[in-house]
């Protein structure tokens, strides 16, 4: 009886956590939709923009289907299995494109380093293989005749032995990838960002730093918590750890997608040369230029520390020229 009560409690808490995470994601989607329309749909699509849309809307569709699974009802095993396969496939696609977008950003700001791209590719493929394996060993069945019938129409079951190993690996793969991306991002952008801030200049590097520090720390913390709790739960079957893990797991799954959407929109809406007066454009120049190729769009581009000094000299020349013009005007007026 205690086992049944515990299972019911974990089921209800887990469902509440899923609904909370979905609500958070949808609220952010609605909030950022006007920006998406202006920054993505009303501009020329690039490869990164297409990946962004696949990433964002594959998860949205999976959440819509997932909500339908969380409602009570009478479904057959075949229907439940097909529905769960659709949800799982869309979420695997969303996870893969999230990781690809993070990899493209780091690849771009490191002068299109093939070594970094290759390393990211290995980590992404490893995670993709594990996610696909998790889909293969999982199966959707009807909840009819079970203790969960009043909560949901379908259940997700899997081979217990393989599932334990897969569920143990996933958080640590995600954690390793997040640490790698976070370290590379901070190494390349912190020094440049602080230099330009001291000069009073606006830089897209500030966007990278903001997203790197704020967003990645959130993802890292959630990944660390999920990895630790998963390890404790699977190894020792501790009830409290399982309870906390059921709460944190949905947020761990949705946060990276939410944050990469914010990053992409921040980069797409950053002021670019060609708007405003010349002096304003000069003040907004950054040694982190937007990429111009069709694949990357303006997700980021190689950082060139040397161009910082050249831009500073050009800015100073413009300011000196304006001062000379003002002095000449004043002398003529006198």
C-alpha atoms as a PDB file:
ATOM      1  CA  UNK A   1       0.000   0.000   0.000  1.00  0.00           C
ATOM      2  CA  UNK A   2       2.824   2.407   0.855  1.00  0.00           C
ATOM      3  CA  UNK A   3       4.393   1.749  -2.527  1.00  0.00           C
ATOM      4  CA  UNK A   4       1.126   2.560  -4.300  1.00  0.00           C
ATOM      5  CA  UNK A   5       0.648   5.755  -2.288  1.00  0.00           C
ATOM      6  CA  UNK A   6       4.221   6.830  -3.020  1.00  0.00           C
ATOM      7  CA  UNK A   7       3.792   6.114  -6.739  1.00  0.00           C
ATOM      8  CA  UNK A   8       0.554   8.117  -6.816  1.00  0.00           C
ATOM      9  CA  UNK A   9       2.209  11.016  -5.022  1.00  0.00           C
ATOM     10  CA  UNK A  10       5.195  11.057  -7.367  1.00  0.00           C
ATOM     11  CA  UNK A  11       2.855  10.830 -10.360  1.00  0.00           C
ATOM     12  CA  UNK A  12       0.769  13.803  -9.243  1.00  0.00           C
ATOM     13  CA  UNK A  13       3.773  15.931  -8.293  1.00  0.00           C
ATOM     14  CA  UNK A  14       5.509  15.051 -11.547  1.00  0.00           C
ATOM     15  CA  UNK A  15       2.434  16.004 -13.566  1.00  0.00           C
ATOM     16  CA  UNK A  16       2.135  19.309 -11.686  1.00  0.00           C
ATOM     17  CA  UNK A  17       5.809  20.015 -12.411  1.00  0.00           C
ATOM     18  CA  UNK A  18       5.307  19.238 -16.099  1.00  0.00           C
ATOM     19  CA  UNK A  19       2.294  21.550 -16.299  1.00  0.00           C
ATOM     20  CA  UNK A  20       4.255  24.296 -14.495  1.00  0.00           C
ATOM     21  CA  UNK A  21       7.213  23.950 -16.878  1.00  0.00           C
ATOM     22  CA  UNK A  22       4.897  23.951 -19.895  1.00  0.00           C
ATOM     23  CA  UNK A  23       3.111  27.050 -18.575  1.00  0.00           C
ATOM     24  CA  UNK A  24       6.451  28.823 -18.114  1.00  0.00           C
ATOM     25  CA  UNK A  25       7.557  27.951 -21.642  1.00  0.00           C
ATOM     26  CA  UNK A  26       4.259  28.972 -23.244  1.00  0.00           C
ATOM     27  CA  UNK A  27       4.215  32.265 -21.298  1.00  0.00           C
ATOM     28  CA  UNK A  28       7.709  33.030 -22.586  1.00  0.00           C
ATOM     29  CA  UNK A  29       6.651  32.008 -26.106  1.00  0.00           C
ATOM     30  CA  UNK A  30       3.730  34.459 -26.026  1.00  0.00           C
ATOM     31  CA  UNK A  31       5.935  37.220 -24.606  1.00  0.00           C
ATOM     32  CA  UNK A  32       8.625  36.800 -27.267  1.00  0.00           C
ATOM     33  CA  UNK A  33       6.271  36.168 -30.207  1.00  0.00           C
ATOM     34  CA  UNK A  34       6.130  39.866 -31.315  1.00  0.00           C
ATOM     35  CA  UNK A  35       9.939  39.977 -31.273  1.00  0.00           C
ATOM     36  CA  UNK A  36      10.063  36.739 -33.245  1.00  0.00           C
ATOM     37  CA  UNK A  37       7.742  38.168 -35.900  1.00  0.00           C
ATOM     38  CA  UNK A  38       9.874  41.307 -36.282  1.00  0.00           C
ATOM     39  CA  UNK A  39      13.282  39.640 -36.023  1.00  0.00           C
ATOM     40  CA  UNK A  40      12.679  36.344 -37.844  1.00  0.00           C
ATOM     41  CA  UNK A  41       9.576  36.302 -40.031  1.00  0.00           C
ATOM     42  CA  UNK A  42       9.931  39.845 -41.415  1.00  0.00           C
ATOM     43  CA  UNK A  43      13.607  39.388 -42.309  1.00  0.00           C
ATOM     44  CA  UNK A  44      15.461  37.177 -44.723  1.00  0.00           C
ATOM     45  CA  UNK A  45      15.662  33.646 -43.379  1.00  0.00           C
ATOM     46  CA  UNK A  46      19.115  32.210 -42.757  1.00  0.00           C
ATOM     47  CA  UNK A  47      20.118  28.680 -41.880  1.00  0.00           C
ATOM     48  CA  UNK A  48      20.261  29.617 -38.200  1.00  0.00           C
ATOM     49  CA  UNK A  49      16.790  31.171 -38.433  1.00  0.00           C
ATOM     50  CA  UNK A  50      15.386  27.967 -39.903  1.00  0.00           C
ATOM     51  CA  UNK A  51      16.997  25.960 -37.098  1.00  0.00           C
ATOM     52  CA  UNK A  52      15.515  28.413 -34.602  1.00  0.00           C
ATOM     53  CA  UNK A  53      12.013  27.911 -36.009  1.00  0.00           C
ATOM     54  CA  UNK A  54      12.384  24.120 -36.074  1.00  0.00           C
ATOM     55  CA  UNK A  55      13.655  24.209 -32.503  1.00  0.00           C
ATOM     56  CA  UNK A  56      10.909  26.468 -31.217  1.00  0.00           C
ATOM     57  CA  UNK A  57       7.903  24.981 -32.974  1.00  0.00           C
ATOM     58  CA  UNK A  58       8.836  21.318 -32.665  1.00  0.00           C
ATOM     59  CA  UNK A  59       8.778  21.746 -28.894  1.00  0.00           C
ATOM     60  CA  UNK A  60       5.554  23.774 -29.063  1.00  0.00           C
ATOM     61  CA  UNK A  61       3.766  21.026 -30.995  1.00  0.00           C
ATOM     62  CA  UNK A  62       5.120  18.359 -28.646  1.00  0.00           C
ATOM     63  CA  UNK A  63       3.815  20.303 -25.642  1.00  0.00           C
ATOM     64  CA  UNK A  64       0.356  20.598 -27.187  1.00  0.00           C
ATOM     65  CA  UNK A  65       0.218  16.829 -27.727  1.00  0.00           C
ATOM     66  CA  UNK A  66       1.698  16.184 -24.279  1.00  0.00           C
ATOM     67  CA  UNK A  67      -1.036  18.230 -22.619  1.00  0.00           C
ATOM     68  CA  UNK A  68      -3.640  16.054 -24.330  1.00  0.00           C
ATOM     69  CA  UNK A  69      -1.930  12.974 -22.865  1.00  0.00           C
ATOM     70  CA  UNK A  70      -2.143  14.441 -19.365  1.00  0.00           C
ATOM     71  CA  UNK A  71      -5.946  14.515 -19.477  1.00  0.00           C
ATOM     72  CA  UNK A  72      -8.111  11.590 -18.342  1.00  0.00           C
ATOM     73  CA  UNK A  73      -9.645   9.492 -21.089  1.00  0.00           C
ATOM     74  CA  UNK A  74      -9.985   6.082 -22.687  1.00  0.00           C
ATOM     75  CA  UNK A  75      -7.294   5.381 -25.257  1.00  0.00           C
ATOM     76  CA  UNK A  76      -6.083   2.138 -26.794  1.00  0.00           C
ATOM     77  CA  UNK A  77      -2.497   0.967 -26.442  1.00  0.00           C
ATOM     78  CA  UNK A  78      -1.801   1.612 -30.131  1.00  0.00           C
ATOM     79  CA  UNK A  79      -3.080   5.178 -29.928  1.00  0.00           C
ATOM     80  CA  UNK A  80      -1.048   5.889 -26.804  1.00  0.00           C
ATOM     81  CA  UNK A  81       2.102   4.435 -28.349  1.00  0.00           C
ATOM     82  CA  UNK A  82       1.763   6.485 -31.551  1.00  0.00           C
ATOM     83  CA  UNK A  83       1.086   9.659 -29.572  1.00  0.00           C
ATOM     84  CA  UNK A  84       4.070   9.132 -27.290  1.00  0.00           C
ATOM     85  CA  UNK A  85       6.287   8.442 -30.309  1.00  0.00           C
ATOM     86  CA  UNK A  86       5.205  11.756 -31.842  1.00  0.00           C
ATOM     87  CA  UNK A  87       5.885  13.646 -28.601  1.00  0.00           C
ATOM     88  CA  UNK A  88       9.233  11.939 -28.100  1.00  0.00           C
ATOM     89  CA  UNK A  89      10.397  12.492 -31.676  1.00  0.00           C
ATOM     90  CA  UNK A  90       9.529  16.194 -31.555  1.00  0.00           C
ATOM     91  CA  UNK A  91      11.323  16.618 -28.235  1.00  0.00           C
ATOM     92  CA  UNK A  92      14.408  14.786 -29.518  1.00  0.00           C
ATOM     93  CA  UNK A  93      14.400  17.124 -32.532  1.00  0.00           C
ATOM     94  CA  UNK A  94      14.043  20.166 -30.263  1.00  0.00           C
ATOM     95  CA  UNK A  95      16.919  19.037 -28.041  1.00  0.00           C
ATOM     96  CA  UNK A  96      19.187  18.357 -31.017  1.00  0.00           C
ATOM     97  CA  UNK A  97      18.510  21.736 -32.652  1.00  0.00           C
ATOM     98  CA  UNK A  98      19.030  23.517 -29.317  1.00  0.00           C
ATOM     99  CA  UNK A  99      22.473  21.949 -29.034  1.00  0.00           C
ATOM    100  CA  UNK A 100      23.262  22.717 -32.685  1.00  0.00           C
ATOM    101  CA  UNK A 101      22.381  26.402 -32.225  1.00  0.00           C
ATOM    102  CA  UNK A 102      24.628  26.665 -29.174  1.00  0.00           C
ATOM    103  CA  UNK A 103      27.402  24.936 -31.130  1.00  0.00           C
ATOM    104  CA  UNK A 104      27.031  27.292 -34.106  1.00  0.00           C
ATOM    105  CA  UNK A 105      27.370  30.314 -31.861  1.00  0.00           C
ATOM    106  CA  UNK A 106      30.614  29.053 -30.315  1.00  0.00           C
ATOM    107  CA  UNK A 107      31.892  27.881 -33.714  1.00  0.00           C
ATOM    108  CA  UNK A 108      31.270  31.355 -35.110  1.00  0.00           C
ATOM    109  CA  UNK A 109      32.928  33.386 -32.359  1.00  0.00           C
ATOM    110  CA  UNK A 110      36.010  31.139 -32.488  1.00  0.00           C
ATOM    111  CA  UNK A 111      36.818  32.060 -36.090  1.00  0.00           C
ATOM    112  CA  UNK A 112      34.830  29.087 -37.392  1.00  0.00           C
ATOM    113  CA  UNK A 113      37.085  26.589 -35.660  1.00  0.00           C
ATOM    114  CA  UNK A 114      36.559  23.125 -37.089  1.00  0.00           C
ATOM    115  CA  UNK A 115      38.054  21.548 -33.973  1.00  0.00           C
ATOM    116  CA  UNK A 116      35.399  23.145 -31.787  1.00  0.00           C
ATOM    117  CA  UNK A 117      32.677  22.282 -34.293  1.00  0.00           C
ATOM    118  CA  UNK A 118      33.885  18.678 -34.411  1.00  0.00           C
ATOM    119  CA  UNK A 119      33.980  18.390 -30.620  1.00  0.00           C
ATOM    120  CA  UNK A 120      30.486  19.831 -30.357  1.00  0.00           C
ATOM    121  CA  UNK A 121      29.360  17.463 -33.098  1.00  0.00           C
ATOM    122  CA  UNK A 122      30.607  14.427 -31.175  1.00  0.00           C
ATOM    123  CA  UNK A 123      28.800  15.543 -28.014  1.00  0.00           C
ATOM    124  CA  UNK A 124      25.607  16.358 -29.928  1.00  0.00           C
ATOM    125  CA  UNK A 125      25.577  13.023 -31.768  1.00  0.00           C
ATOM    126  CA  UNK A 126      26.232  11.154 -28.513  1.00  0.00           C
ATOM    127  CA  UNK A 127      23.254  12.841 -26.882  1.00  0.00           C
ATOM    128  CA  UNK A 128      21.109  12.251 -29.979  1.00  0.00           C
ATOM    129  CA  UNK A 129      21.917   8.522 -29.996  1.00  0.00           C
ATOM    130  CA  UNK A 130      21.017   8.198 -26.313  1.00  0.00           C
ATOM    131  CA  UNK A 131      17.778  10.142 -26.806  1.00  0.00           C
ATOM    132  CA  UNK A 132      16.807   7.922 -29.746  1.00  0.00           C
ATOM    133  CA  UNK A 133      17.646   4.821 -27.692  1.00  0.00           C
ATOM    134  CA  UNK A 134      15.396   6.112 -24.931  1.00  0.00           C
ATOM    135  CA  UNK A 135      12.604   6.465 -27.480  1.00  0.00           C
ATOM    136  CA  UNK A 136      13.122   2.934 -28.770  1.00  0.00           C
ATOM    137  CA  UNK A 137      12.954   1.285 -25.345  1.00  0.00           C
ATOM    138  CA  UNK A 138       9.925   3.348 -24.268  1.00  0.00           C
ATOM    139  CA  UNK A 139       6.360   2.463 -25.124  1.00  0.00           C
ATOM    140  CA  UNK A 140       3.043   4.189 -24.582  1.00  0.00           C
ATOM    141  CA  UNK A 141       0.194   2.125 -23.138  1.00  0.00           C
ATOM    142  CA  UNK A 142      -3.336   2.844 -22.005  1.00  0.00           C
ATOM    143  CA  UNK A 143      -3.850   3.643 -18.325  1.00  0.00           C
ATOM    144  CA  UNK A 144      -7.201   1.828 -18.325  1.00  0.00           C
ATOM    145  CA  UNK A 145      -7.445  -0.542 -15.365  1.00  0.00           C
ATOM    146  CA  UNK A 146      -4.493   1.027 -13.520  1.00  0.00           C
ATOM    147  CA  UNK A 147      -4.336   3.295 -10.483  1.00  0.00           C
ATOM    148  CA  UNK A 148      -3.491   6.221 -12.807  1.00  0.00           C
ATOM    149  CA  UNK A 149      -6.628   5.973 -14.951  1.00  0.00           C
ATOM    150  CA  UNK A 150      -8.241   8.994 -13.276  1.00  0.00           C
ATOM    151  CA  UNK A 151      -5.119  11.117 -13.880  1.00  0.00           C
ATOM    152  CA  UNK A 152      -4.141  10.420 -17.478  1.00  0.00           C
ATOM    153  CA  UNK A 153      -5.281   8.455 -20.506  1.00  0.00           C
ATOM    154  CA  UNK A 154      -1.845   7.002 -21.270  1.00  0.00           C
ATOM    155  CA  UNK A 155       1.266   5.771 -19.495  1.00  0.00           C
ATOM    156  CA  UNK A 156       4.883   5.606 -20.635  1.00  0.00           C
ATOM    157  CA  UNK A 157       6.723   2.403 -19.763  1.00  0.00           C
ATOM    158  CA  UNK A 158      10.183   1.131 -20.662  1.00  0.00           C
ATOM    159  CA  UNK A 159      12.622  -1.709 -20.111  1.00  0.00           C
ATOM    160  CA  UNK A 160      13.741  -1.122 -16.545  1.00  0.00           C
ATOM    161  CA  UNK A 161      17.364  -2.310 -16.848  1.00  0.00           C
ATOM    162  CA  UNK A 162      18.265  -0.355 -19.980  1.00  0.00           C
ATOM    163  CA  UNK A 163      16.137   2.611 -18.919  1.00  0.00           C
ATOM    164  CA  UNK A 164      18.081   3.014 -15.677  1.00  0.00           C
ATOM    165  CA  UNK A 165      21.377   3.231 -17.574  1.00  0.00           C
ATOM    166  CA  UNK A 166      19.995   5.611 -20.209  1.00  0.00           C
ATOM    167  CA  UNK A 167      18.369   7.903 -17.647  1.00  0.00           C
ATOM    168  CA  UNK A 168      21.655   7.997 -15.767  1.00  0.00           C
ATOM    169  CA  UNK A 169      23.707   8.956 -18.835  1.00  0.00           C
ATOM    170  CA  UNK A 170      21.493  11.742 -20.238  1.00  0.00           C
ATOM    171  CA  UNK A 171      21.925  14.347 -17.442  1.00  0.00           C
ATOM    172  CA  UNK A 172      25.700  13.899 -17.425  1.00  0.00           C
ATOM    173  CA  UNK A 173      25.964  14.229 -21.211  1.00  0.00           C
ATOM    174  CA  UNK A 174      23.909  17.414 -21.006  1.00  0.00           C
ATOM    175  CA  UNK A 175      26.033  18.703 -18.127  1.00  0.00           C
ATOM    176  CA  UNK A 176      29.289  18.045 -19.984  1.00  0.00           C
ATOM    177  CA  UNK A 177      28.037  19.823 -23.091  1.00  0.00           C
ATOM    178  CA  UNK A 178      26.767  22.825 -21.104  1.00  0.00           C
ATOM    179  CA  UNK A 179      30.087  23.200 -19.267  1.00  0.00           C
ATOM    180  CA  UNK A 180      32.009  23.006 -22.553  1.00  0.00           C
ATOM    181  CA  UNK A 181      29.855  25.665 -24.248  1.00  0.00           C
ATOM    182  CA  UNK A 182      29.837  27.897 -21.170  1.00  0.00           C
ATOM    183  CA  UNK A 183      33.629  27.771 -20.770  1.00  0.00           C
ATOM    184  CA  UNK A 184      34.318  28.549 -24.426  1.00  0.00           C
ATOM    185  CA  UNK A 185      31.833  31.422 -24.453  1.00  0.00           C
ATOM    186  CA  UNK A 186      33.217  33.081 -21.336  1.00  0.00           C
ATOM    187  CA  UNK A 187      36.831  32.628 -22.439  1.00  0.00           C
ATOM    188  CA  UNK A 188      36.240  34.475 -25.694  1.00  0.00           C
ATOM    189  CA  UNK A 189      33.862  37.263 -24.743  1.00  0.00           C
ATOM    190  CA  UNK A 190      34.570  38.440 -21.190  1.00  0.00           C
ATOM    191  CA  UNK A 191      37.795  40.336 -21.870  1.00  0.00           C
ATOM    192  CA  UNK A 192      36.464  41.981 -25.016  1.00  0.00           C
ATOM    193  CA  UNK A 193      33.184  42.940 -23.384  1.00  0.00           C
ATOM    194  CA  UNK A 194      34.871  44.621 -20.425  1.00  0.00           C
ATOM    195  CA  UNK A 195      37.225  46.550 -22.709  1.00  0.00           C
ATOM    196  CA  UNK A 196      34.394  47.944 -24.772  1.00  0.00           C
ATOM    197  CA  UNK A 197      32.332  48.738 -21.685  1.00  0.00           C
ATOM    198  CA  UNK A 198      35.206  50.828 -20.308  1.00  0.00           C
ATOM    199  CA  UNK A 199      35.200  52.733 -23.589  1.00  0.00           C
ATOM    200  CA  UNK A 200      31.463  53.360 -23.250  1.00  0.00           C
ATOM    201  CA  UNK A 201      30.663  51.388 -26.382  1.00  0.00           C
ATOM    202  CA  UNK A 202      27.712  49.136 -27.061  1.00  0.00           C
ATOM    203  CA  UNK A 203      28.664  45.693 -28.280  1.00  0.00           C
ATOM    204  CA  UNK A 204      26.937  42.510 -29.317  1.00  0.00           C
ATOM    205  CA  UNK A 205      29.531  40.870 -27.085  1.00  0.00           C
ATOM    206  CA  UNK A 206      27.496  42.212 -24.162  1.00  0.00           C
ATOM    207  CA  UNK A 207      24.566  40.143 -25.401  1.00  0.00           C
ATOM    208  CA  UNK A 208      26.787  37.060 -25.557  1.00  0.00           C
ATOM    209  CA  UNK A 209      28.142  37.736 -22.051  1.00  0.00           C
ATOM    210  CA  UNK A 210      24.684  38.352 -20.623  1.00  0.00           C
ATOM    211  CA  UNK A 211      23.324  35.165 -22.131  1.00  0.00           C
ATOM    212  CA  UNK A 212      26.473  33.251 -21.241  1.00  0.00           C
ATOM    213  CA  UNK A 213      26.560  34.240 -17.582  1.00  0.00           C
ATOM    214  CA  UNK A 214      22.870  34.505 -16.769  1.00  0.00           C
ATOM    215  CA  UNK A 215      21.340  31.892 -19.032  1.00  0.00           C
ATOM    216  CA  UNK A 216      24.070  29.278 -18.952  1.00  0.00           C
ATOM    217  CA  UNK A 217      24.391  29.427 -15.190  1.00  0.00           C
ATOM    218  CA  UNK A 218      20.678  28.685 -14.947  1.00  0.00           C
ATOM    219  CA  UNK A 219      21.059  25.743 -17.319  1.00  0.00           C
ATOM    220  CA  UNK A 220      24.202  24.526 -15.554  1.00  0.00           C
ATOM    221  CA  UNK A 221      22.590  24.658 -12.127  1.00  0.00           C
ATOM    222  CA  UNK A 222      19.535  22.765 -13.356  1.00  0.00           C
ATOM    223  CA  UNK A 223      21.762  20.215 -15.122  1.00  0.00           C
ATOM    224  CA  UNK A 224      23.901  19.685 -12.009  1.00  0.00           C
ATOM    225  CA  UNK A 225      20.821  19.231  -9.819  1.00  0.00           C
ATOM    226  CA  UNK A 226      19.232  16.830 -12.282  1.00  0.00           C
ATOM    227  CA  UNK A 227      22.440  14.797 -12.684  1.00  0.00           C
ATOM    228  CA  UNK A 228      22.969  14.479  -8.919  1.00  0.00           C
ATOM    229  CA  UNK A 229      19.355  13.617  -8.161  1.00  0.00           C
ATOM    230  CA  UNK A 230      19.176  11.113 -11.008  1.00  0.00           C
ATOM    231  CA  UNK A 231      22.331   9.414  -9.765  1.00  0.00           C
ATOM    232  CA  UNK A 232      21.064   9.248  -6.187  1.00  0.00           C
ATOM    233  CA  UNK A 233      17.603   8.049  -7.190  1.00  0.00           C
ATOM    234  CA  UNK A 234      18.804   5.312  -9.538  1.00  0.00           C
ATOM    235  CA  UNK A 235      21.552   4.084  -7.231  1.00  0.00           C
ATOM    236  CA  UNK A 236      19.956   4.216  -3.798  1.00  0.00           C
ATOM    237  CA  UNK A 237      16.227   4.537  -4.591  1.00  0.00           C
ATOM    238  CA  UNK A 238      15.921   7.412  -2.123  1.00  0.00           C
ATOM    239  CA  UNK A 239      12.341   8.679  -2.051  1.00  0.00           C
ATOM    240  CA  UNK A 240      13.150  12.344  -1.353  1.00  0.00           C
ATOM    241  CA  UNK A 241      15.638  12.452  -4.221  1.00  0.00           C
ATOM    242  CA  UNK A 242      13.075  10.886  -6.547  1.00  0.00           C
ATOM    243  CA  UNK A 243      10.530  13.461  -5.422  1.00  0.00           C
ATOM    244  CA  UNK A 244      12.829  16.415  -6.113  1.00  0.00           C
ATOM    245  CA  UNK A 245      13.959  14.882  -9.397  1.00  0.00           C
ATOM    246  CA  UNK A 246      10.355  14.564 -10.582  1.00  0.00           C
ATOM    247  CA  UNK A 247       9.980  18.299  -9.965  1.00  0.00           C
ATOM    248  CA  UNK A 248      13.241  19.448 -11.558  1.00  0.00           C
ATOM    249  CA  UNK A 249      13.271  17.143 -14.604  1.00  0.00           C
ATOM    250  CA  UNK A 250      10.636  19.024 -16.669  1.00  0.00           C
ATOM    251  CA  UNK A 251      12.389  22.359 -16.142  1.00  0.00           C
ATOM    252  CA  UNK A 252      15.725  20.761 -17.020  1.00  0.00           C
ATOM    253  CA  UNK A 253      14.147  19.645 -20.290  1.00  0.00           C
ATOM    254  CA  UNK A 254      12.534  22.962 -21.256  1.00  0.00           C
ATOM    255  CA  UNK A 255      15.002  25.597 -20.010  1.00  0.00           C
ATOM    256  CA  UNK A 256      17.700  25.143 -22.707  1.00  0.00           C
ATOM    257  CA  UNK A 257      15.087  25.561 -25.441  1.00  0.00           C
ATOM    258  CA  UNK A 258      13.686  28.678 -23.800  1.00  0.00           C
ATOM    259  CA  UNK A 259      17.133  30.202 -23.327  1.00  0.00           C
ATOM    260  CA  UNK A 260      18.408  29.556 -26.855  1.00  0.00           C
ATOM    261  CA  UNK A 261      15.261  31.247 -28.172  1.00  0.00           C
ATOM    262  CA  UNK A 262      16.038  34.295 -26.052  1.00  0.00           C
ATOM    263  CA  UNK A 263      19.641  34.290 -27.248  1.00  0.00           C
ATOM    264  CA  UNK A 264      18.688  34.100 -30.916  1.00  0.00           C
ATOM    265  CA  UNK A 265      16.136  36.901 -30.611  1.00  0.00           C
ATOM    266  CA  UNK A 266      18.575  39.086 -28.655  1.00  0.00           C
ATOM    267  CA  UNK A 267      21.182  38.678 -31.385  1.00  0.00           C
ATOM    268  CA  UNK A 268      18.694  39.282 -34.185  1.00  0.00           C
ATOM    269  CA  UNK A 269      17.427  42.508 -32.595  1.00  0.00           C
ATOM    270  CA  UNK A 270      20.848  43.921 -31.673  1.00  0.00           C
ATOM    271  CA  UNK A 271      21.456  47.312 -33.415  1.00  0.00           C
ATOM    272  CA  UNK A 272      23.400  46.808 -36.612  1.00  0.00           C
ATOM    273  CA  UNK A 273      25.333  49.303 -38.736  1.00  0.00           C
ATOM    274  CA  UNK A 274      23.133  51.162 -41.188  1.00  0.00           C
ATOM    275  CA  UNK A 275      20.703  52.683 -38.697  1.00  0.00           C
ATOM    276  CA  UNK A 276      21.168  56.026 -37.010  1.00  0.00           C
ATOM    277  CA  UNK A 277      23.772  58.712 -37.633  1.00  0.00           C
ATOM    278  CA  UNK A 278      27.413  58.005 -38.366  1.00  0.00           C
ATOM    279  CA  UNK A 279      28.680  58.752 -34.878  1.00  0.00           C
ATOM    280  CA  UNK A 280      26.038  56.505 -33.344  1.00  0.00           C
ATOM    281  CA  UNK A 281      26.998  53.715 -35.724  1.00  0.00           C
ATOM    282  CA  UNK A 282      30.643  54.134 -34.799  1.00  0.00           C
ATOM    283  CA  UNK A 283      29.810  54.016 -31.117  1.00  0.00           C
ATOM    284  CA  UNK A 284      27.910  50.779 -31.648  1.00  0.00           C
ATOM    285  CA  UNK A 285      30.681  49.088 -33.635  1.00  0.00           C
ATOM    286  CA  UNK A 286      31.795  45.799 -32.201  1.00  0.00           C
ATOM    287  CA  UNK A 287      34.778  43.614 -32.896  1.00  0.00           C
ATOM    288  CA  UNK A 288      32.274  40.776 -32.752  1.00  0.00           C
ATOM    289  CA  UNK A 289      30.676  41.289 -36.171  1.00  0.00           C
ATOM    290  CA  UNK A 290      27.602  39.469 -37.377  1.00  0.00           C
ATOM    291  CA  UNK A 291      28.335  36.633 -39.757  1.00  0.00           C
ATOM    292  CA  UNK A 292      27.320  37.282 -43.327  1.00  0.00           C
ATOM    293  CA  UNK A 293      27.005  33.759 -44.685  1.00  0.00           C
ATOM    294  CA  UNK A 294      23.665  32.093 -45.336  1.00  0.00           C
ATOM    295  CA  UNK A 295      24.113  29.357 -42.746  1.00  0.00           C
ATOM    296  CA  UNK A 296      24.993  31.340 -39.635  1.00  0.00           C
ATOM    297  CA  UNK A 297      23.172  34.590 -40.307  1.00  0.00           C
ATOM    298  CA  UNK A 298      23.864  36.892 -37.344  1.00  0.00           C
ATOM    299  CA  UNK A 299      24.042  34.264 -34.635  1.00  0.00           C
ATOM    300  CA  UNK A 300      27.644  35.387 -34.201  1.00  0.00           C
ATOM    301  CA  UNK A 301      30.961  35.723 -35.984  1.00  0.00           C
ATOM    302  CA  UNK A 302      34.700  35.502 -35.339  1.00  0.00           C
ATOM    303  CA  UNK A 303      36.026  37.702 -32.580  1.00  0.00           C
ATOM    304  CA  UNK A 304      38.904  39.873 -33.773  1.00  0.00           C
ATOM    305  CA  UNK A 305      40.695  41.614 -30.952  1.00  0.00           C
ATOM    306  CA  UNK A 306      42.836  43.613 -33.367  1.00  0.00           C
ATOM    307  CA  UNK A 307      39.885  45.308 -34.980  1.00  0.00           C
ATOM    308  CA  UNK A 308      38.954  46.801 -31.628  1.00  0.00           C
ATOM    309  CA  UNK A 309      41.889  49.227 -31.759  1.00  0.00           C
ATOM    310  CA  UNK A 310      41.220  50.126 -35.387  1.00  0.00           C
ATOM    311  CA  UNK A 311      37.592  50.931 -34.639  1.00  0.00           C
ATOM    312  CA  UNK A 312      38.633  53.010 -31.648  1.00  0.00           C
ATOM    313  CA  UNK A 313      41.005  55.017 -33.847  1.00  0.00           C
ATOM    314  CA  UNK A 314      38.289  55.549 -36.456  1.00  0.00           C
ATOM    315  CA  UNK A 315      35.856  56.680 -33.779  1.00  0.00           C
ATOM    316  CA  UNK A 316      38.389  59.132 -32.385  1.00  0.00           C
ATOM    317  CA  UNK A 317      39.049  60.521 -35.879  1.00  0.00           C
ATOM    318  CA  UNK A 318      35.327  61.100 -36.391  1.00  0.00           C
ATOM    319  CA  UNK A 319      35.031  62.870 -33.033  1.00  0.00           C
ATOM    320  CA  UNK A 320      38.095  65.050 -33.753  1.00  0.00           C
ATOM    321  CA  UNK A 321      36.703  65.934 -37.175  1.00  0.00           C
ATOM    322  CA  UNK A 322      33.380  66.993 -35.663  1.00  0.00           C
ATOM    323  CA  UNK A 323      35.181  69.120 -33.078  1.00  0.00           C
ATOM    324  CA  UNK A 324      37.189  70.864 -35.828  1.00  0.00           C
ATOM    325  CA  UNK A 325      34.015  71.565 -37.804  1.00  0.00           C
ATOM    326  CA  UNK A 326      32.365  73.092 -34.737  1.00  0.00           C
ATOM    327  CA  UNK A 327      35.422  75.284 -34.069  1.00  0.00           C
ATOM    328  CA  UNK A 328      35.427  76.522 -37.683  1.00  0.00           C
ATOM    329  CA  UNK A 329      31.735  77.365 -37.472  1.00  0.00           C
ATOM    330  CA  UNK A 330      32.263  79.305 -34.261  1.00  0.00           C
ATOM    331  CA  UNK A 331      35.159  81.296 -35.766  1.00  0.00           C
ATOM    332  CA  UNK A 332      33.076  82.157 -38.849  1.00  0.00           C
ATOM    333  CA  UNK A 333      30.182  83.316 -36.695  1.00  0.00           C
ATOM    334  CA  UNK A 334      32.530  85.604 -34.740  1.00  0.00           C
END
